[in-house]
Amino acid sequence: MAEVIARCSAPAAPALPPTLVAPDATEEQDQERGVPTGAGTSRRRRGRWGRVLVVLVLAGWAGTAAWQAWNEDEGDGGTGSGAGGGTTPSGTPGRAASAPASAAADPGPPAESASEVRWALSKNPKQARLGAGECDRPSEGNPSDGSTSTSVTYLSGAPSAEVGFSFTGEGTFRLVAGVKPPGRKGFGHTTRPMKVGPAGRTLVYPRDFPGAPPVTSKRGDWTVVVYRAETDDRTEWKRFGCTGFRAAHSGG
């Protein structure tokens, strides 16, 4: 009985008052019918239990209805005590939905291309008069047990320039030379891949650079880069050496 009361009780809905029967009327009816007084008392006790069960059933029904109404208000975003939170994916009222999973880790910027390099004439007046300058990126693909050397020979106002490169050590490397006019991005005008040993190689621009324009086509700082190209995939090329020169139009 305690378990029934606990399940059916609901503070939101008061229990309905029981219908009382006057005890005197019951006794008079029993006397008129010739029923013993003890039997009437027993029937009254059973009647009281019946009324208690009726009251409990009614109270349980009222509590269930009240809980259902409160639950519906919660699901509809009503103004009940738990209406502050929406319905979660699991159907539990009054709780906010869980936050979405964090985004994947940023992989970061792509690796810098070997072509991202530029030569500029020295800002030192004495060095500039000699045609000296420097590249803004270091070499990457030098021999592990040696060094590289890249040079350019240019006569002011000439339409061509001579490019030379060599290294110390043993073995051979697959190399590609590229020349970039002033303001040009990317790998510039390149040669075909070539196998080069420690003795090095000398090339003439634009003769050995298919489709390249003469030096007189653009005035300013030209960049000469030698790439270590183990494959034809340019994203895997490394800077083997870098130099450059400042060009002027024919006649100064």
C-alpha atoms as a PDB file:
ATOM      1  CA  MET A   1       0.000   0.000   0.000  1.00  0.00           C
ATOM      2  CA  ALA A   2       2.873   2.414   0.794  1.00  0.00           C
ATOM      3  CA  GLU A   3       4.310   1.741  -2.655  1.00  0.00           C
ATOM      4  CA  VAL A   4       0.953   2.482  -4.300  1.00  0.00           C
ATOM      5  CA  ILE A   5       0.680   5.757  -2.404  1.00  0.00           C
ATOM      6  CA  ALA A   6       4.243   6.757  -3.325  1.00  0.00           C
ATOM      7  CA  ARG A   7       3.656   6.112  -7.025  1.00  0.00           C
ATOM      8  CA  CYS A   8       0.332   7.823  -7.199  1.00  0.00           C
ATOM      9  CA  SER A   9       1.019  10.874  -5.062  1.00  0.00           C
ATOM     10  CA  ALA A  10       1.470  14.182  -6.873  1.00  0.00           C
ATOM     11  CA  PRO A  11       1.983  17.482  -5.065  1.00  0.00           C
ATOM     12  CA  ALA A  12       0.640  19.444  -8.012  1.00  0.00           C
ATOM     13  CA  ALA A  13      -2.940  17.993  -7.661  1.00  0.00           C
ATOM     14  CA  PRO A  14      -4.666  17.683  -4.225  1.00  0.00           C
ATOM     15  CA  ALA A  15      -6.634  14.532  -3.505  1.00  0.00           C
ATOM     16  CA  LEU A  16     -10.426  14.652  -3.892  1.00  0.00           C
ATOM     17  CA  PRO A  17     -12.345  14.520  -0.570  1.00  0.00           C
ATOM     18  CA  PRO A  18     -14.060  11.180   0.079  1.00  0.00           C
ATOM     19  CA  THR A  19     -17.822  10.796   0.107  1.00  0.00           C
ATOM     20  CA  LEU A  20     -18.838  10.152   3.723  1.00  0.00           C
ATOM     21  CA  VAL A  21     -21.790   8.032   4.767  1.00  0.00           C
ATOM     22  CA  ALA A  22     -23.428   8.756   8.118  1.00  0.00           C
ATOM     23  CA  PRO A  23     -22.768   5.854  10.480  1.00  0.00           C
ATOM     24  CA  ASP A  24     -26.200   6.162  12.152  1.00  0.00           C
ATOM     25  CA  ALA A  25     -28.049   5.620   8.926  1.00  0.00           C
ATOM     26  CA  THR A  26     -26.060   2.473   8.245  1.00  0.00           C
ATOM     27  CA  GLU A  27     -26.794   1.057  11.677  1.00  0.00           C
ATOM     28  CA  GLU A  28     -30.501   1.815  11.348  1.00  0.00           C
ATOM     29  CA  GLN A  29     -30.609   0.050   8.009  1.00  0.00           C
ATOM     30  CA  ASP A  30     -28.871  -2.994   9.486  1.00  0.00           C
ATOM     31  CA  GLN A  31     -31.337  -3.088  12.404  1.00  0.00           C
ATOM     32  CA  GLU A  32     -34.328  -2.855  10.087  1.00  0.00           C
ATOM     33  CA  ARG A  33     -32.977  -5.746   8.000  1.00  0.00           C
ATOM     34  CA  GLY A  34     -32.199  -7.818  11.059  1.00  0.00           C
ATOM     35  CA  VAL A  35     -28.464  -7.776  10.402  1.00  0.00           C
ATOM     36  CA  PRO A  36     -26.308  -8.098  13.535  1.00  0.00           C
ATOM     37  CA  THR A  37     -24.478  -5.025  14.710  1.00  0.00           C
ATOM     38  CA  GLY A  38     -21.064  -6.686  14.267  1.00  0.00           C
ATOM     39  CA  ALA A  39     -21.831  -7.384  10.617  1.00  0.00           C
ATOM     40  CA  GLY A  40     -22.674  -3.727  10.046  1.00  0.00           C
ATOM     41  CA  THR A  41     -19.405  -2.707  11.650  1.00  0.00           C
ATOM     42  CA  SER A  42     -17.490  -5.080   9.386  1.00  0.00           C
ATOM     43  CA  ARG A  43     -19.254  -3.729   6.328  1.00  0.00           C
ATOM     44  CA  ARG A  44     -18.491  -0.172   7.384  1.00  0.00           C
ATOM     45  CA  ARG A  45     -14.821  -1.064   7.658  1.00  0.00           C
ATOM     46  CA  ARG A  46     -14.875  -2.544   4.203  1.00  0.00           C
ATOM     47  CA  GLY A  47     -16.670   0.564   2.988  1.00  0.00           C
ATOM     48  CA  ARG A  48     -13.963   2.777   4.470  1.00  0.00           C
ATOM     49  CA  TRP A  49     -11.222   0.771   2.716  1.00  0.00           C
ATOM     50  CA  GLY A  50     -13.162   1.024  -0.494  1.00  0.00           C
ATOM     51  CA  ARG A  51     -13.389   4.781  -0.089  1.00  0.00           C
ATOM     52  CA  VAL A  52      -9.651   4.971   0.636  1.00  0.00           C
ATOM     53  CA  LEU A  53      -8.862   3.009  -2.530  1.00  0.00           C
ATOM     54  CA  VAL A  54     -11.190   5.229  -4.557  1.00  0.00           C
ATOM     55  CA  VAL A  55      -9.497   8.326  -3.158  1.00  0.00           C
ATOM     56  CA  LEU A  56      -6.032   6.902  -3.942  1.00  0.00           C
ATOM     57  CA  VAL A  57      -7.027   6.007  -7.489  1.00  0.00           C
ATOM     58  CA  LEU A  58      -8.503   9.457  -8.055  1.00  0.00           C
ATOM     59  CA  ALA A  59      -5.412  11.114  -6.581  1.00  0.00           C
ATOM     60  CA  GLY A  60      -3.140   9.002  -8.768  1.00  0.00           C
ATOM     61  CA  TRP A  61      -5.122   9.865 -11.879  1.00  0.00           C
ATOM     62  CA  ALA A  62      -5.016  13.577 -11.057  1.00  0.00           C
ATOM     63  CA  GLY A  63      -1.258  13.445 -10.402  1.00  0.00           C
ATOM     64  CA  THR A  64      -0.623  11.598 -13.673  1.00  0.00           C
ATOM     65  CA  ALA A  65      -2.688  14.119 -15.623  1.00  0.00           C
ATOM     66  CA  ALA A  66      -0.868  17.004 -13.984  1.00  0.00           C
ATOM     67  CA  TRP A  67       2.556  15.467 -14.761  1.00  0.00           C
ATOM     68  CA  GLN A  68       1.550  14.868 -18.385  1.00  0.00           C
ATOM     69  CA  ALA A  69       0.367  18.463 -18.760  1.00  0.00           C
ATOM     70  CA  TRP A  70       3.620  19.765 -17.235  1.00  0.00           C
ATOM     71  CA  ASN A  71       5.666  17.506 -19.535  1.00  0.00           C
ATOM     72  CA  GLU A  72       3.781  18.738 -22.608  1.00  0.00           C
ATOM     73  CA  ASP A  73       4.402  22.341 -21.574  1.00  0.00           C
ATOM     74  CA  GLU A  74       8.110  21.582 -21.267  1.00  0.00           C
ATOM     75  CA  GLY A  75       8.267  20.008 -24.717  1.00  0.00           C
ATOM     76  CA  ASP A  76       6.458  23.007 -26.240  1.00  0.00           C
ATOM     77  CA  GLY A  77       8.743  25.541 -24.581  1.00  0.00           C
ATOM     78  CA  GLY A  78       6.058  26.641 -22.101  1.00  0.00           C
ATOM     79  CA  THR A  79       6.475  28.831 -19.039  1.00  0.00           C
ATOM     80  CA  GLY A  80       6.648  26.019 -16.498  1.00  0.00           C
ATOM     81  CA  SER A  81       9.421  25.703 -13.940  1.00  0.00           C
ATOM     82  CA  GLY A  82      11.610  23.740 -16.393  1.00  0.00           C
ATOM     83  CA  ALA A  83      10.827  25.671 -19.554  1.00  0.00           C
ATOM     84  CA  GLY A  84      14.211  27.354 -19.637  1.00  0.00           C
ATOM     85  CA  GLY A  85      15.862  24.511 -21.547  1.00  0.00           C
ATOM     86  CA  GLY A  86      14.856  22.832 -24.759  1.00  0.00           C
ATOM     87  CA  THR A  87      14.555  19.127 -25.471  1.00  0.00           C
ATOM     88  CA  THR A  88      17.848  17.326 -25.904  1.00  0.00           C
ATOM     89  CA  PRO A  89      18.413  14.737 -28.641  1.00  0.00           C
ATOM     90  CA  SER A  90      17.693  12.008 -26.065  1.00  0.00           C
ATOM     91  CA  GLY A  91      14.277  13.539 -25.310  1.00  0.00           C
ATOM     92  CA  THR A  92      15.096  14.759 -21.792  1.00  0.00           C
ATOM     93  CA  PRO A  93      13.274  18.070 -21.133  1.00  0.00           C
ATOM     94  CA  GLY A  94      14.903  21.052 -19.475  1.00  0.00           C
ATOM     95  CA  ARG A  95      18.469  20.466 -20.728  1.00  0.00           C
ATOM     96  CA  ALA A  96      20.326  22.218 -23.500  1.00  0.00           C
ATOM     97  CA  ALA A  97      21.632  20.187 -26.430  1.00  0.00           C
ATOM     98  CA  SER A  98      25.272  19.232 -26.236  1.00  0.00           C
ATOM     99  CA  ALA A  99      27.793  21.362 -28.136  1.00  0.00           C
ATOM    100  CA  PRO A 100      28.942  20.055 -31.545  1.00  0.00           C
ATOM    101  CA  ALA A 101      32.262  18.254 -31.779  1.00  0.00           C
ATOM    102  CA  SER A 102      35.284  20.495 -32.227  1.00  0.00           C
ATOM    103  CA  ALA A 103      36.522  21.023 -35.750  1.00  0.00           C
ATOM    104  CA  ALA A 104      39.482  19.041 -37.052  1.00  0.00           C
ATOM    105  CA  ALA A 105      42.882  20.403 -36.297  1.00  0.00           C
ATOM    106  CA  ASP A 106      44.068  22.969 -38.696  1.00  0.00           C
ATOM    107  CA  PRO A 107      46.711  21.352 -40.938  1.00  0.00           C
ATOM    108  CA  GLY A 108      48.498  24.683 -41.276  1.00  0.00           C
ATOM    109  CA  PRO A 109      49.722  26.537 -44.348  1.00  0.00           C
ATOM    110  CA  PRO A 110      51.185  24.558 -47.273  1.00  0.00           C
ATOM    111  CA  ALA A 111      54.921  24.140 -47.546  1.00  0.00           C
ATOM    112  CA  GLU A 112      56.735  27.006 -49.258  1.00  0.00           C
ATOM    113  CA  SER A 113      57.664  26.423 -52.889  1.00  0.00           C
ATOM    114  CA  ALA A 114      61.338  26.360 -53.872  1.00  0.00           C
ATOM    115  CA  SER A 115      60.522  29.147 -56.337  1.00  0.00           C
ATOM    116  CA  GLU A 116      59.645  31.600 -53.550  1.00  0.00           C
ATOM    117  CA  VAL A 117      62.979  33.412 -53.754  1.00  0.00           C
ATOM    118  CA  ARG A 118      64.090  36.762 -55.102  1.00  0.00           C
ATOM    119  CA  TRP A 119      67.507  38.310 -55.766  1.00  0.00           C
ATOM    120  CA  ALA A 120      68.060  42.020 -55.125  1.00  0.00           C
ATOM    121  CA  LEU A 121      71.003  44.349 -55.730  1.00  0.00           C
ATOM    122  CA  SER A 122      72.907  45.259 -52.584  1.00  0.00           C
ATOM    123  CA  LYS A 123      71.909  48.464 -50.803  1.00  0.00           C
ATOM    124  CA  ASN A 124      75.559  49.131 -50.088  1.00  0.00           C
ATOM    125  CA  PRO A 125      76.705  51.633 -52.789  1.00  0.00           C
ATOM    126  CA  LYS A 126      80.150  50.081 -53.140  1.00  0.00           C
ATOM    127  CA  GLN A 127      78.729  46.555 -53.463  1.00  0.00           C
ATOM    128  CA  ALA A 128      76.023  47.761 -55.843  1.00  0.00           C
ATOM    129  CA  ARG A 129      78.602  49.296 -58.207  1.00  0.00           C
ATOM    130  CA  LEU A 130      80.194  45.846 -58.442  1.00  0.00           C
ATOM    131  CA  GLY A 131      76.834  44.264 -59.228  1.00  0.00           C
ATOM    132  CA  ALA A 132      76.741  42.353 -55.941  1.00  0.00           C
ATOM    133  CA  GLY A 133      73.504  41.384 -54.258  1.00  0.00           C
ATOM    134  CA  GLU A 134      71.842  38.514 -52.421  1.00  0.00           C
ATOM    135  CA  CYS A 135      68.864  36.168 -52.474  1.00  0.00           C
ATOM    136  CA  ASP A 136      66.229  36.375 -49.736  1.00  0.00           C
ATOM    137  CA  ARG A 137      66.055  32.590 -49.253  1.00  0.00           C
ATOM    138  CA  PRO A 138      68.860  30.092 -48.486  1.00  0.00           C
ATOM    139  CA  SER A 139      69.738  26.982 -50.478  1.00  0.00           C
ATOM    140  CA  GLU A 140      68.021  23.704 -49.497  1.00  0.00           C
ATOM    141  CA  GLY A 141      69.379  20.820 -51.587  1.00  0.00           C
ATOM    142  CA  ASN A 142      73.119  21.133 -51.055  1.00  0.00           C
ATOM    143  CA  PRO A 143      75.249  17.958 -51.063  1.00  0.00           C
ATOM    144  CA  SER A 144      75.515  16.485 -47.590  1.00  0.00           C
ATOM    145  CA  ASP A 145      79.315  16.399 -47.783  1.00  0.00           C
ATOM    146  CA  GLY A 146      79.973  19.415 -50.021  1.00  0.00           C
ATOM    147  CA  SER A 147      78.898  22.878 -51.152  1.00  0.00           C
ATOM    148  CA  THR A 148      77.464  24.545 -54.255  1.00  0.00           C
ATOM    149  CA  SER A 149      78.427  27.565 -56.319  1.00  0.00           C
ATOM    150  CA  THR A 150      76.159  29.547 -58.675  1.00  0.00           C
ATOM    151  CA  SER A 151      77.371  32.478 -60.760  1.00  0.00           C
ATOM    152  CA  VAL A 152      76.168  34.772 -63.541  1.00  0.00           C
ATOM    153  CA  THR A 153      78.149  36.872 -65.996  1.00  0.00           C
ATOM    154  CA  TYR A 154      76.313  39.812 -67.493  1.00  0.00           C
ATOM    155  CA  LEU A 155      77.496  42.801 -69.516  1.00  0.00           C
ATOM    156  CA  SER A 156      75.303  45.854 -68.957  1.00  0.00           C
ATOM    157  CA  GLY A 157      72.968  46.400 -71.910  1.00  0.00           C
ATOM    158  CA  ALA A 158      73.602  42.932 -73.405  1.00  0.00           C
ATOM    159  CA  PRO A 159      70.656  40.758 -74.518  1.00  0.00           C
ATOM    160  CA  SER A 160      72.095  37.619 -72.888  1.00  0.00           C
ATOM    161  CA  ALA A 161      73.793  36.400 -69.703  1.00  0.00           C
ATOM    162  CA  GLU A 162      75.982  33.430 -68.840  1.00  0.00           C
ATOM    163  CA  VAL A 163      74.893  31.179 -65.964  1.00  0.00           C
ATOM    164  CA  GLY A 164      77.283  28.746 -64.294  1.00  0.00           C
ATOM    165  CA  PHE A 165      76.914  26.324 -61.368  1.00  0.00           C
ATOM    166  CA  SER A 166      79.004  23.586 -59.782  1.00  0.00           C
ATOM    167  CA  PHE A 167      79.407  21.744 -56.495  1.00  0.00           C
ATOM    168  CA  THR A 168      82.018  19.925 -54.462  1.00  0.00           C
ATOM    169  CA  GLY A 169      81.656  16.274 -53.582  1.00  0.00           C
ATOM    170  CA  GLU A 170      80.918  13.071 -55.426  1.00  0.00           C
ATOM    171  CA  GLY A 171      78.112  11.754 -57.588  1.00  0.00           C
ATOM    172  CA  THR A 172      75.706  13.534 -59.894  1.00  0.00           C
ATOM    173  CA  PHE A 173      72.522  15.531 -59.403  1.00  0.00           C
ATOM    174  CA  ARG A 174      69.490  16.062 -61.597  1.00  0.00           C
ATOM    175  CA  LEU A 175      69.277  19.845 -61.875  1.00  0.00           C
ATOM    176  CA  VAL A 176      67.095  22.461 -63.571  1.00  0.00           C
ATOM    177  CA  ALA A 177      68.080  26.120 -63.985  1.00  0.00           C
ATOM    178  CA  GLY A 178      65.472  28.884 -63.935  1.00  0.00           C
ATOM    179  CA  VAL A 179      65.693  32.606 -64.709  1.00  0.00           C
ATOM    180  CA  LYS A 180      63.004  35.019 -63.484  1.00  0.00           C
ATOM    181  CA  PRO A 181      62.675  38.534 -64.943  1.00  0.00           C
ATOM    182  CA  PRO A 182      61.922  41.413 -62.536  1.00  0.00           C
ATOM    183  CA  GLY A 183      58.478  41.031 -60.962  1.00  0.00           C
ATOM    184  CA  ARG A 184      58.030  37.513 -62.285  1.00  0.00           C
ATOM    185  CA  LYS A 185      56.700  34.856 -59.876  1.00  0.00           C
ATOM    186  CA  GLY A 186      57.020  31.084 -59.985  1.00  0.00           C
ATOM    187  CA  PHE A 187      59.934  29.111 -61.385  1.00  0.00           C
ATOM    188  CA  GLY A 188      60.594  31.485 -64.268  1.00  0.00           C
ATOM    189  CA  HIS A 189      62.006  30.369 -67.625  1.00  0.00           C
ATOM    190  CA  THR A 190      63.546  26.941 -67.031  1.00  0.00           C
ATOM    191  CA  THR A 191      65.913  24.554 -68.792  1.00  0.00           C
ATOM    192  CA  ARG A 192      65.323  20.883 -69.377  1.00  0.00           C
ATOM    193  CA  PRO A 193      66.487  18.578 -66.538  1.00  0.00           C
ATOM    194  CA  MET A 194      70.175  17.655 -66.783  1.00  0.00           C
ATOM    195  CA  LYS A 195      72.588  15.385 -64.946  1.00  0.00           C
ATOM    196  CA  VAL A 196      75.430  17.441 -63.510  1.00  0.00           C
ATOM    197  CA  GLY A 197      78.620  16.237 -61.805  1.00  0.00           C
ATOM    198  CA  PRO A 198      81.186  18.114 -59.703  1.00  0.00           C
ATOM    199  CA  ALA A 199      82.642  19.680 -62.843  1.00  0.00           C
ATOM    200  CA  GLY A 200      79.496  21.770 -63.144  1.00  0.00           C
ATOM    201  CA  ARG A 201      77.765  23.289 -66.164  1.00  0.00           C
ATOM    202  CA  THR A 202      77.667  26.629 -67.989  1.00  0.00           C
ATOM    203  CA  LEU A 203      74.526  27.839 -69.801  1.00  0.00           C
ATOM    204  CA  VAL A 204      73.585  30.876 -71.830  1.00  0.00           C
ATOM    205  CA  TYR A 205      70.343  32.771 -71.283  1.00  0.00           C
ATOM    206  CA  PRO A 206      68.108  32.915 -73.287  1.00  0.00           C
ATOM    207  CA  ARG A 207      69.612  30.360 -75.709  1.00  0.00           C
ATOM    208  CA  ASP A 208      69.363  27.366 -73.324  1.00  0.00           C
ATOM    209  CA  PHE A 209      65.995  28.392 -71.856  1.00  0.00           C
ATOM    210  CA  PRO A 210      63.209  27.489 -74.305  1.00  0.00           C
ATOM    211  CA  GLY A 211      60.835  30.355 -75.028  1.00  0.00           C
ATOM    212  CA  ALA A 212      62.648  32.864 -72.825  1.00  0.00           C
ATOM    213  CA  PRO A 213      62.863  36.556 -73.878  1.00  0.00           C
ATOM    214  CA  PRO A 214      66.171  38.451 -74.068  1.00  0.00           C
ATOM    215  CA  VAL A 215      67.529  40.259 -71.047  1.00  0.00           C
ATOM    216  CA  THR A 216      66.846  43.592 -72.728  1.00  0.00           C
ATOM    217  CA  SER A 217      63.089  42.931 -72.478  1.00  0.00           C
ATOM    218  CA  LYS A 218      62.943  43.958 -68.842  1.00  0.00           C
ATOM    219  CA  ARG A 219      65.011  46.357 -66.794  1.00  0.00           C
ATOM    220  CA  GLY A 220      65.657  45.600 -63.133  1.00  0.00           C
ATOM    221  CA  ASP A 221      66.773  42.756 -60.879  1.00  0.00           C
ATOM    222  CA  TRP A 222      66.774  39.304 -62.489  1.00  0.00           C
ATOM    223  CA  THR A 223      66.861  36.153 -60.351  1.00  0.00           C
ATOM    224  CA  VAL A 224      68.753  32.996 -61.311  1.00  0.00           C
ATOM    225  CA  VAL A 225      67.909  29.787 -59.420  1.00  0.00           C
ATOM    226  CA  VAL A 226      69.278  26.259 -59.799  1.00  0.00           C
ATOM    227  CA  TYR A 227      66.804  23.624 -58.610  1.00  0.00           C
ATOM    228  CA  ARG A 228      67.562  20.108 -57.459  1.00  0.00           C
ATOM    229  CA  ALA A 229      64.824  18.202 -59.275  1.00  0.00           C
ATOM    230  CA  GLU A 230      64.790  14.503 -58.438  1.00  0.00           C
ATOM    231  CA  THR A 231      61.409  14.167 -60.190  1.00  0.00           C
ATOM    232  CA  ASP A 232      59.251  16.265 -62.510  1.00  0.00           C
ATOM    233  CA  ASP A 233      56.972  17.176 -59.573  1.00  0.00           C
ATOM    234  CA  ARG A 234      57.884  20.809 -58.918  1.00  0.00           C
ATOM    235  CA  THR A 235      56.416  20.723 -55.418  1.00  0.00           C
ATOM    236  CA  GLU A 236      59.347  18.470 -54.474  1.00  0.00           C
ATOM    237  CA  TRP A 237      62.092  20.610 -56.008  1.00  0.00           C
ATOM    238  CA  LYS A 238      64.736  22.146 -53.733  1.00  0.00           C
ATOM    239  CA  ARG A 239      66.865  25.254 -54.200  1.00  0.00           C
ATOM    240  CA  PHE A 240      70.379  24.113 -55.104  1.00  0.00           C
ATOM    241  CA  GLY A 241      71.763  27.621 -55.631  1.00  0.00           C
ATOM    242  CA  CYS A 242      70.704  31.213 -56.239  1.00  0.00           C
ATOM    243  CA  THR A 243      72.185  34.414 -57.656  1.00  0.00           C
ATOM    244  CA  GLY A 244      71.118  37.283 -59.918  1.00  0.00           C
ATOM    245  CA  PHE A 245      71.994  40.502 -61.735  1.00  0.00           C
ATOM    246  CA  ARG A 246      70.609  43.950 -62.490  1.00  0.00           C
ATOM    247  CA  ALA A 247      69.824  44.536 -66.143  1.00  0.00           C
ATOM    248  CA  ALA A 248      69.626  47.792 -68.050  1.00  0.00           C
ATOM    249  CA  HIS A 249      68.256  48.563 -71.529  1.00  0.00           C
ATOM    250  CA  SER A 250      70.691  48.534 -74.443  1.00  0.00           C
ATOM    251  CA  GLY A 251      72.713  51.734 -74.489  1.00  0.00           C
ATOM    252  CA  GLY A 252      72.592  52.165 -70.625  1.00  0.00           C
END
